[in-house]
C-alpha atoms as a PDB file:
ATOM      1  CA  UNK A   1      34.505  12.438 105.131  1.00  0.00           C
ATOM      2  CA  UNK A   2      33.722   8.986 106.559  1.00  0.00           C
ATOM      3  CA  UNK A   3      35.961   7.293 109.069  1.00  0.00           C
ATOM      4  CA  UNK A   4      38.210   4.542 107.747  1.00  0.00           C
ATOM      5  CA  UNK A   5      40.063   2.209 110.097  1.00  0.00           C
ATOM      6  CA  UNK A   6      43.130   0.252 109.062  1.00  0.00           C
ATOM      7  CA  UNK A   7      44.982  -2.669 110.582  1.00  0.00           C
ATOM      8  CA  UNK A   8      47.998  -4.684 109.536  1.00  0.00           C
ATOM      9  CA  UNK A   9      47.162  -8.171 108.302  1.00  0.00           C
ATOM     10  CA  UNK A  10      48.397 -11.072 110.404  1.00  0.00           C
ATOM     11  CA  UNK A  11      49.680 -12.757 107.210  1.00  0.00           C
ATOM     12  CA  UNK A  12      52.645 -10.417 106.736  1.00  0.00           C
ATOM     13  CA  UNK A  13      56.275 -10.153 107.683  1.00  0.00           C
ATOM     14  CA  UNK A  14      57.885  -6.730 108.131  1.00  0.00           C
ATOM     15  CA  UNK A  15      61.216  -5.184 109.055  1.00  0.00           C
ATOM     16  CA  UNK A  16      62.438  -1.607 109.406  1.00  0.00           C
ATOM     17  CA  UNK A  17      65.700  -0.706 107.697  1.00  0.00           C
ATOM     18  CA  UNK A  18      67.082   2.847 107.522  1.00  0.00           C
ATOM     19  CA  UNK A  19      63.718   4.447 108.320  1.00  0.00           C
ATOM     20  CA  UNK A  20      61.830   2.471 105.690  1.00  0.00           C
ATOM     21  CA  UNK A  21      59.694  -0.609 106.275  1.00  0.00           C
ATOM     22  CA  UNK A  22      59.888  -3.713 104.137  1.00  0.00           C
ATOM     23  CA  UNK A  23      56.581  -5.612 104.090  1.00  0.00           C
ATOM     24  CA  UNK A  24      55.917  -9.004 102.554  1.00  0.00           C
ATOM     25  CA  UNK A  25      52.688 -10.983 102.369  1.00  0.00           C
ATOM     26  CA  UNK A  26      53.649 -14.478 103.526  1.00  0.00           C
ATOM     27  CA  UNK A  27      51.130 -16.266 101.301  1.00  0.00           C
ATOM     28  CA  UNK A  28      52.018 -14.854  97.882  1.00  0.00           C
ATOM     29  CA  UNK A  29      55.337 -13.086  98.631  1.00  0.00           C
ATOM     30  CA  UNK A  30      54.004  -9.686  97.510  1.00  0.00           C
ATOM     31  CA  UNK A  31      56.721  -7.253  98.636  1.00  0.00           C
ATOM     32  CA  UNK A  32      56.546  -3.512  99.349  1.00  0.00           C
ATOM     33  CA  UNK A  33      59.097  -0.985 100.508  1.00  0.00           C
ATOM     34  CA  UNK A  34      57.384   1.759 102.501  1.00  0.00           C
ATOM     35  CA  UNK A  35      58.903   5.250 102.602  1.00  0.00           C
ATOM     36  CA  UNK A  36      58.996   7.243 105.845  1.00  0.00           C
ATOM     37  CA  UNK A  37      55.449   8.596 105.456  1.00  0.00           C
ATOM     38  CA  UNK A  38      53.996   5.177 104.650  1.00  0.00           C
ATOM     39  CA  UNK A  39      55.991   3.717 107.562  1.00  0.00           C
ATOM     40  CA  UNK A  40      54.400   6.251 109.939  1.00  0.00           C
ATOM     41  CA  UNK A  41      50.948   5.182 108.741  1.00  0.00           C
ATOM     42  CA  UNK A  42      51.890   1.493 108.883  1.00  0.00           C
ATOM     43  CA  UNK A  43      53.012   1.671 112.506  1.00  0.00           C
ATOM     44  CA  UNK A  44      49.850   3.539 113.524  1.00  0.00           C
ATOM     45  CA  UNK A  45      47.524   1.040 111.779  1.00  0.00           C
ATOM     46  CA  UNK A  46      46.029  -0.400 114.967  1.00  0.00           C
ATOM     47  CA  UNK A  47      42.491  -1.032 113.748  1.00  0.00           C
ATOM     48  CA  UNK A  48      40.931   1.458 116.161  1.00  0.00           C
ATOM     49  CA  UNK A  49      42.401   4.827 115.151  1.00  0.00           C
ATOM     50  CA  UNK A  50      40.696   6.479 112.138  1.00  0.00           C
ATOM     51  CA  UNK A  51      42.968   7.050 109.136  1.00  0.00           C
ATOM     52  CA  UNK A  52      42.230  10.799 109.255  1.00  0.00           C
ATOM     53  CA  UNK A  53      43.516  10.930 112.838  1.00  0.00           C
ATOM     54  CA  UNK A  54      46.641   8.952 111.905  1.00  0.00           C
ATOM     55  CA  UNK A  55      47.357  11.413 109.093  1.00  0.00           C
ATOM     56  CA  UNK A  56      46.717  14.436 111.316  1.00  0.00           C
ATOM     57  CA  UNK A  57      48.738  13.107 114.252  1.00  0.00           C
ATOM     58  CA  UNK A  58      51.556  11.101 112.623  1.00  0.00           C
ATOM     59  CA  UNK A  59      52.064  12.524 109.137  1.00  0.00           C
ATOM     60  CA  UNK A  60      51.298  16.251 108.939  1.00  0.00           C
ATOM     61  CA  UNK A  61      53.417  17.385 111.928  1.00  0.00           C
ATOM     62  CA  UNK A  62      56.449  15.373 110.772  1.00  0.00           C
ATOM     63  CA  UNK A  63      56.401  15.932 107.003  1.00  0.00           C
ATOM     64  CA  UNK A  64      55.853  19.077 104.959  1.00  0.00           C
ATOM     65  CA  UNK A  65      52.451  18.263 103.474  1.00  0.00           C
ATOM     66  CA  UNK A  66      48.963  19.704 103.740  1.00  0.00           C
ATOM     67  CA  UNK A  67      46.289  17.596 105.432  1.00  0.00           C
ATOM     68  CA  UNK A  68      44.343  17.325 102.155  1.00  0.00           C
ATOM     69  CA  UNK A  69      47.374  16.044 100.215  1.00  0.00           C
ATOM     70  CA  UNK A  70      48.418  13.748 103.049  1.00  0.00           C
ATOM     71  CA  UNK A  71      44.971  12.202 103.355  1.00  0.00           C
ATOM     72  CA  UNK A  72      44.639  11.683  99.585  1.00  0.00           C
ATOM     73  CA  UNK A  73      48.064  10.003  99.481  1.00  0.00           C
ATOM     74  CA  UNK A  74      47.225   7.916 102.568  1.00  0.00           C
ATOM     75  CA  UNK A  75      43.975   6.709 100.988  1.00  0.00           C
ATOM     76  CA  UNK A  76      45.857   5.649  97.850  1.00  0.00           C
ATOM     77  CA  UNK A  77      48.514   3.862  99.953  1.00  0.00           C
ATOM     78  CA  UNK A  78      45.840   2.066 102.002  1.00  0.00           C
ATOM     79  CA  UNK A  79      43.900   1.064  98.890  1.00  0.00           C
ATOM     80  CA  UNK A  80      47.039  -0.410  97.275  1.00  0.00           C
ATOM     81  CA  UNK A  81      48.068  -2.458 100.322  1.00  0.00           C
ATOM     82  CA  UNK A  82      44.485  -3.573 100.991  1.00  0.00           C
ATOM     83  CA  UNK A  83      44.271  -4.867  97.417  1.00  0.00           C
ATOM     84  CA  UNK A  84      47.172  -7.190  98.238  1.00  0.00           C
ATOM     85  CA  UNK A  85      45.779  -8.254 101.615  1.00  0.00           C
ATOM     86  CA  UNK A  86      48.536  -6.480 103.540  1.00  0.00           C
ATOM     87  CA  UNK A  87      46.232  -3.968 105.222  1.00  0.00           C
ATOM     88  CA  UNK A  88      42.689  -4.566 106.396  1.00  0.00           C
ATOM     89  CA  UNK A  89      40.199  -1.713 105.964  1.00  0.00           C
ATOM     90  CA  UNK A  90      36.899  -1.187 107.748  1.00  0.00           C
ATOM     91  CA  UNK A  91      34.255   1.476 108.292  1.00  0.00           C
ATOM     92  CA  UNK A  92      34.222   0.478 111.973  1.00  0.00           C
ATOM     93  CA  UNK A  93      36.969   0.004 114.572  1.00  0.00           C
ATOM     94  CA  UNK A  94      38.489  -3.483 114.459  1.00  0.00           C
ATOM     95  CA  UNK A  95      38.735  -4.202 118.181  1.00  0.00           C
ATOM     96  CA  UNK A  96      39.634  -7.883 117.771  1.00  0.00           C
ATOM     97  CA  UNK A  97      42.579  -6.910 115.545  1.00  0.00           C
ATOM     98  CA  UNK A  98      43.816  -4.398 118.108  1.00  0.00           C
ATOM     99  CA  UNK A  99      43.726  -7.030 120.863  1.00  0.00           C
ATOM    100  CA  UNK A 100      45.541  -9.530 118.610  1.00  0.00           C
ATOM    101  CA  UNK A 101      48.251  -6.972 117.777  1.00  0.00           C
ATOM    102  CA  UNK A 102      48.839  -6.155 121.451  1.00  0.00           C
ATOM    103  CA  UNK A 103      48.992  -9.773 122.589  1.00  0.00           C
ATOM    104  CA  UNK A 104      51.228 -10.951 119.735  1.00  0.00           C
ATOM    105  CA  UNK A 105      53.532  -7.939 119.670  1.00  0.00           C
ATOM    106  CA  UNK A 106      52.605  -7.295 116.024  1.00  0.00           C
ATOM    107  CA  UNK A 107      52.248  -3.603 116.759  1.00  0.00           C
ATOM    108  CA  UNK A 108      55.876  -3.325 117.782  1.00  0.00           C
ATOM    109  CA  UNK A 109      58.314  -1.902 115.244  1.00  0.00           C
END
């Protein structure tokens, strides 16, 4: 399994409401409601942590799901949001994105 790194796009607006995250792309108004599992992945999408580690650390211990199922679902979730420009995906850590998130507060819930 190859490492995949994910980061939230800077062209989004998001809010947490009752444990779910509402995400909207500011350019085309594409809107998603993320369930609790997707929200856990969303908040961990820092551009430097591999998706497999996010699933192992943030999903499996908190939700009743096997690592194989969780990773398959996470890949589908990432693919869908990346298609809409809401998540960025890379085969390498995205250090510039991580620095941007920290300095702008974008990583904060």
